[in-house]
Amino acid sequence: MFVVTGATGNVGRSLVRILAAAGAPVTATSRGITEADVPDGVGHARADLTDPESLRPVFDGADALFLQNGGPSAHLLSPRDLLDVAKAGGVRRVVLLSSQGVATRPGSASHGDTARSIEDAVRESGMDWTILRPGGFASNAYAWAESVRADRTVAAPFADVGLPTVDPDDIAEVAAVVLRADGHAGRIHELTGPALNTPRQAAAALADALGEPVRFVEQTADEAREQMLRFMPEPVVATTLSILGEPTAAELRISPDVERVLGRAPRTFADWARRHAAAFR
């Protein structure tokens, strides 16, 4: 049996669907999951990664675990306790959704240190482990959904700085392969899209997907910082703006790992925009 944590997120939701479509037994879990969040026939259970004991019944009889790294609550996790509970339930394989920032921003408390500590716990768990390190998600564009719906406008800083954003469905497909196939234990897969994608280009791709013009407005860094501080802590904002405005060579690198695992090129941002255009109408 496969346990998927973060099963209502951009990656976890797709992973549950992929595994279920392949006929694999799956239990989907997150703090607020409901029956409506999972395909027919898929088990689901509410549990909190910050409370390992809440996952004990979820892990009972499981063989493999997709571990979402906690997102905004990552600093609240006790990863070694969590993995001990998983092992006690029978889990022998763990696939961790981590972050590219572990390697590219090692001095960042938000993008590097916390995620590194979770990776270390996975490596030292005694289980077969694989770590997925994606860069920025294409789905971060959902932050523009309200302004696109309201007045067909996208506002973002660093208009012409591109990053190889990755489609969350590609991450989910890689995770599904790694969970089910041998040959990935002890490996780190860095996951990116196939090309650099700038905010200006992303706005144009959304316009193409909608079949209507979308106006792009370039923010200053200070304007973007003020907006981000409404929903992100200051250290996260500082690191995010640094990545968006002054990406390192490693953050600009297009990784071959999606294609190596899936046997096809990763999807483009335009592909993502077409599939999710309804969210912006």
Protein backbone atom coordinates (compact mmCIF):
# COMPACT_ATOMS: atom_id res chain seq x y z
CA MET A 1 0.00 0.00 0.00
CA PHE A 2 1.13 3.54 -0.80
CA VAL A 3 0.59 6.45 1.60
CA VAL A 4 0.54 9.91 0.02
CA THR A 5 0.90 12.85 2.40
CA GLY A 6 -0.05 16.34 1.29
CA ALA A 7 -2.71 14.63 -0.80
CA THR A 8 -4.74 17.79 -1.40
CA GLY A 9 -1.74 19.76 -2.72
CA ASN A 10 -0.64 20.41 -6.28
CA VAL A 11 1.63 17.36 -6.37
CA GLY A 12 -0.09 15.01 -3.94
CA ARG A 13 -3.52 15.28 -5.53
CA SER A 14 -2.11 14.34 -8.95
CA LEU A 15 -0.01 11.54 -7.47
CA VAL A 16 -3.05 9.96 -5.81
CA ARG A 17 -4.90 10.07 -9.12
CA ILE A 18 -1.99 8.51 -11.03
CA LEU A 19 -1.49 5.68 -8.56
CA ALA A 20 -5.22 4.97 -8.36
CA ALA A 21 -5.50 4.88 -12.16
CA ALA A 22 -2.72 2.28 -12.21
CA GLY A 23 -4.69 0.11 -9.79
CA ALA A 24 -2.33 0.66 -6.87
CA PRO A 25 -3.75 0.62 -3.33
CA VAL A 26 -3.48 4.15 -1.95
CA THR A 27 -4.26 5.97 1.26
CA ALA A 28 -4.38 9.74 0.83
CA THR A 29 -3.82 11.94 3.84
CA SER A 30 -3.72 15.62 4.77
CA ARG A 31 -5.04 17.77 7.58
CA GLY A 32 -8.32 18.65 5.87
CA ILE A 33 -8.89 15.87 3.38
CA THR A 34 -12.44 14.75 2.58
CA GLU A 35 -13.97 12.05 0.42
CA ALA A 36 -14.51 14.63 -2.32
CA ASP A 37 -10.75 15.13 -2.59
CA VAL A 38 -9.92 11.58 -3.73
CA PRO A 39 -10.95 9.31 -6.62
CA ASP A 40 -13.53 6.61 -6.02
CA GLY A 41 -12.09 3.65 -4.17
CA VAL A 42 -9.15 5.52 -2.66
CA GLY A 43 -8.83 5.49 1.11
CA HIS A 44 -8.36 8.78 2.90
CA ALA A 45 -7.57 9.86 6.43
CA ARG A 46 -7.08 13.18 8.16
CA ALA A 47 -3.70 13.47 9.82
CA ASP A 48 -1.14 16.15 10.59
CA LEU A 49 2.54 15.80 9.68
CA THR A 50 3.43 17.90 12.71
CA ASP A 51 1.78 15.24 14.91
CA PRO A 52 3.47 11.90 14.06
CA GLU A 53 1.14 9.92 16.30
CA SER A 54 -1.84 11.04 14.20
CA LEU A 55 -0.28 9.11 11.30
CA ARG A 56 0.18 5.81 13.12
CA PRO A 57 -3.12 4.30 11.87
CA VAL A 58 -2.45 5.67 8.38
CA PHE A 59 0.93 3.92 8.14
CA ASP A 60 -0.30 0.60 9.49
CA GLY A 61 0.28 -1.99 6.74
CA ALA A 62 1.83 0.49 4.29
CA ASP A 63 4.85 -0.39 2.15
CA ALA A 64 5.85 2.95 0.65
CA LEU A 65 5.46 6.61 1.60
CA PHE A 66 5.37 9.83 -0.39
CA LEU A 67 6.44 12.43 2.14
CA GLN A 68 5.63 16.04 1.41
CA ASN A 69 8.15 18.19 3.26
CA GLY A 70 5.61 20.21 5.20
CA GLY A 71 5.55 23.35 3.08
CA PRO A 72 4.97 26.41 5.27
CA SER A 73 4.84 24.16 8.36
CA ALA A 74 8.16 22.42 7.60
CA HIS A 75 9.90 24.02 10.57
CA LEU A 76 7.31 22.42 12.87
CA LEU A 77 8.03 18.87 11.73
CA SER A 78 9.85 16.26 13.78
CA PRO A 79 11.00 14.22 10.77
CA ARG A 80 12.81 11.48 12.69
CA ASP A 81 9.77 10.80 14.87
CA LEU A 82 7.58 10.81 11.78
CA LEU A 83 9.82 8.30 9.99
CA ASP A 84 10.02 6.09 13.08
CA VAL A 85 6.21 5.88 13.12
CA ALA A 86 6.25 5.07 9.40
CA LYS A 87 8.77 2.26 9.88
CA ALA A 88 6.76 0.84 12.76
CA GLY A 89 3.77 0.64 10.42
CA GLY A 90 5.73 -1.34 7.83
CA VAL A 91 6.98 1.37 5.47
CA ARG A 92 10.24 0.38 3.79
CA ARG A 93 10.45 2.93 0.96
CA VAL A 94 10.15 6.70 1.24
CA VAL A 95 10.10 9.31 -1.51
CA LEU A 96 10.62 12.83 -0.17
CA LEU A 97 9.38 15.94 -1.94
CA SER A 98 12.12 18.38 -0.98
CA SER A 99 13.40 21.57 -2.60
CA GLN A 100 16.08 22.63 -5.02
CA GLY A 101 16.99 25.26 -2.44
CA VAL A 102 18.70 22.62 -0.29
CA ALA A 103 21.54 22.72 -2.83
CA THR A 104 21.21 26.23 -4.25
CA ARG A 105 20.40 28.21 -1.07
CA PRO A 106 22.16 26.29 1.73
CA GLY A 107 22.41 29.37 3.95
CA SER A 108 18.69 30.12 3.82
CA ALA A 109 16.71 29.07 6.87
CA SER A 110 13.52 28.76 4.82
CA HIS A 111 14.80 27.19 1.60
CA GLY A 112 17.92 25.40 2.78
CA ASP A 113 18.38 24.57 6.46
CA THR A 114 14.93 23.24 7.29
CA ALA A 115 14.64 21.20 4.11
CA ARG A 116 18.18 19.87 4.61
CA SER A 117 17.33 18.60 8.09
CA ILE A 118 14.34 16.70 6.68
CA GLU A 119 16.50 15.23 3.92
CA ASP A 120 19.09 14.14 6.52
CA ALA A 121 16.41 12.37 8.54
CA VAL A 122 15.22 10.52 5.43
CA ARG A 123 18.77 9.47 4.53
CA GLU A 124 19.36 8.19 8.05
CA SER A 125 15.99 6.45 8.37
CA GLY A 126 17.21 3.00 7.37
CA MET A 127 14.58 2.87 4.62
CA ASP A 128 15.13 2.87 0.86
CA TRP A 129 14.94 6.57 0.05
CA THR A 130 14.72 8.82 -2.96
CA ILE A 131 14.69 12.62 -2.81
CA LEU A 132 12.95 14.84 -5.34
CA ARG A 133 14.24 18.41 -5.54
CA PRO A 134 11.99 20.53 -7.78
CA GLY A 135 12.61 24.14 -8.65
CA GLY A 136 9.79 26.66 -8.82
CA PHE A 137 6.32 25.28 -9.58
CA ALA A 138 4.32 26.38 -12.62
CA SER A 139 1.33 26.42 -10.28
CA ASN A 140 2.81 29.42 -8.44
CA ALA A 141 1.02 31.33 -11.20
CA TYR A 142 -2.23 30.72 -9.27
CA ALA A 143 -1.14 33.81 -7.30
CA TRP A 144 -2.19 35.80 -10.37
CA ALA A 145 -5.58 34.14 -10.77
CA GLU A 146 -7.61 36.82 -8.98
CA SER A 147 -6.11 39.73 -10.95
CA VAL A 148 -6.40 37.87 -14.23
CA ARG A 149 -10.05 37.07 -13.57
CA ALA A 150 -10.81 40.62 -12.42
CA ASP A 151 -9.07 42.72 -15.07
CA ARG A 152 -6.84 40.45 -17.16
CA THR A 153 -3.66 41.73 -15.50
CA VAL A 154 -0.51 40.02 -14.23
CA ALA A 155 1.82 41.99 -11.93
CA ALA A 156 5.24 40.59 -11.08
CA PRO A 157 8.83 41.75 -10.54
CA PHE A 158 11.86 40.89 -12.69
CA ALA A 159 9.82 40.70 -15.89
CA ASP A 160 12.53 39.21 -18.07
CA VAL A 161 14.37 36.94 -15.63
CA GLY A 162 13.54 33.34 -16.50
CA LEU A 163 13.52 30.19 -14.39
CA PRO A 164 12.86 26.59 -15.55
CA THR A 165 9.58 26.20 -13.65
CA VAL A 166 8.30 22.64 -13.39
CA ASP A 167 4.76 21.34 -13.87
CA PRO A 168 3.52 19.73 -10.61
CA ASP A 169 2.00 16.91 -12.67
CA ASP A 170 5.50 16.02 -13.89
CA ILE A 171 6.68 15.87 -10.28
CA ALA A 172 3.75 13.58 -9.48
CA GLU A 173 4.50 11.30 -12.42
CA VAL A 174 8.15 11.03 -11.38
CA ALA A 175 7.06 10.25 -7.82
CA ALA A 176 4.70 7.52 -9.05
CA VAL A 177 7.52 5.84 -10.98
CA VAL A 178 9.99 6.10 -8.11
CA LEU A 179 7.49 4.73 -5.59
CA ARG A 180 6.75 1.66 -7.70
CA ALA A 181 10.01 0.87 -9.51
CA ASP A 182 13.38 -0.31 -8.30
CA GLY A 183 16.61 1.45 -9.21
CA HIS A 184 15.99 4.81 -7.57
CA ALA A 185 17.05 4.09 -3.99
CA GLY A 186 19.70 6.46 -2.69
CA ARG A 187 19.24 8.90 -5.57
CA ILE A 188 18.36 12.60 -5.77
CA HIS A 189 16.32 13.73 -8.77
CA GLU A 190 16.35 17.44 -9.57
CA LEU A 191 13.15 18.36 -11.38
CA THR A 192 12.73 21.35 -13.68
CA GLY A 193 10.82 22.32 -16.77
CA PRO A 194 12.30 22.18 -20.28
CA ALA A 195 13.09 25.89 -20.70
CA LEU A 196 13.50 29.18 -18.88
CA ASN A 197 10.18 30.95 -18.40
CA THR A 198 9.98 34.65 -17.54
CA PRO A 199 7.01 36.36 -15.85
CA ARG A 200 6.35 38.28 -19.07
CA GLN A 201 6.33 35.03 -21.06
CA ALA A 202 4.09 33.39 -18.46
CA ALA A 203 1.54 36.19 -18.80
CA ALA A 204 1.60 35.75 -22.59
CA ALA A 205 1.07 31.99 -22.18
CA LEU A 206 -1.95 32.65 -19.97
CA ALA A 207 -3.31 35.03 -22.60
CA ASP A 208 -2.93 32.35 -25.27
CA ALA A 209 -4.64 29.80 -23.03
CA LEU A 210 -7.55 32.16 -22.39
CA GLY A 211 -7.77 33.45 -25.94
CA GLU A 212 -7.81 37.00 -24.58
CA PRO A 213 -5.18 39.68 -23.96
CA VAL A 214 -3.52 39.71 -20.53
CA ARG A 215 -1.69 42.92 -19.59
CA PHE A 216 1.67 42.54 -17.87
CA VAL A 217 2.72 45.10 -15.24
CA GLU A 218 6.27 44.95 -13.90
CA GLN A 219 6.47 45.53 -10.16
CA THR A 220 9.45 46.96 -8.37
CA ALA A 221 11.16 44.65 -5.90
CA ASP A 222 9.76 46.75 -3.04
CA GLU A 223 6.23 46.47 -4.38
CA ALA A 224 6.59 42.71 -4.70
CA ARG A 225 8.06 42.47 -1.20
CA GLU A 226 5.15 44.39 0.31
CA GLN A 227 2.66 42.11 -1.42
CA MET A 228 4.46 38.89 -0.44
CA LEU A 229 4.75 39.94 3.21
CA ARG A 230 0.97 39.71 3.49
CA PHE A 231 1.16 35.91 3.37
CA MET A 232 4.84 34.92 3.73
CA PRO A 233 7.35 35.50 6.57
CA GLU A 234 10.13 37.97 5.86
CA PRO A 235 13.00 35.44 5.52
CA VAL A 236 11.01 33.49 2.93
CA VAL A 237 10.20 36.69 1.05
CA ALA A 238 13.86 37.74 1.01
CA THR A 239 15.03 34.41 -0.37
CA THR A 240 12.20 34.18 -2.89
CA LEU A 241 12.96 37.63 -4.29
CA SER A 242 16.63 36.73 -4.53
CA ILE A 243 15.80 33.58 -6.51
CA LEU A 244 13.40 35.46 -8.80
CA GLY A 245 15.71 38.40 -9.40
CA GLU A 246 19.22 36.97 -9.16
CA PRO A 247 19.02 33.20 -9.72
CA THR A 248 22.23 31.25 -9.36
CA ALA A 249 23.68 29.21 -12.20
CA ALA A 250 22.31 26.08 -10.55
CA GLU A 251 18.81 27.59 -10.42
CA LEU A 252 19.01 28.40 -14.13
CA ARG A 253 20.13 24.89 -15.05
CA ILE A 254 17.64 22.75 -16.96
CA SER A 255 17.81 19.29 -15.45
CA PRO A 256 17.49 16.12 -17.55
CA ASP A 257 16.01 14.12 -14.66
CA VAL A 258 12.31 14.36 -15.60
CA GLU A 259 13.10 12.96 -19.04
CA ARG A 260 15.43 10.31 -17.62
CA VAL A 261 12.71 8.99 -15.33
CA LEU A 262 9.66 9.41 -17.57
CA GLY A 263 11.18 8.86 -21.00
CA ARG A 264 9.71 12.11 -22.32
CA ALA A 265 10.47 15.81 -22.12
CA PRO A 266 8.94 17.76 -19.24
CA ARG A 267 5.85 19.84 -19.93
CA THR A 268 6.16 23.55 -20.65
CA PHE A 269 4.49 26.36 -18.72
CA ALA A 270 2.22 26.86 -21.73
CA ASP A 271 1.06 23.24 -21.34
CA TRP A 272 0.23 23.93 -17.69
CA ALA A 273 -1.60 27.16 -18.56
CA ARG A 274 -3.80 25.43 -21.14
CA ARG A 275 -4.80 22.67 -18.71
CA HIS A 276 -5.62 25.15 -15.92
CA ALA A 277 -7.06 28.04 -17.89
CA ALA A 278 -10.43 27.66 -16.13
CA ALA A 279 -8.90 28.95 -12.89
CA PHE A 280 -8.13 32.26 -14.63
CA ARG A 281 -11.38 32.84 -16.52
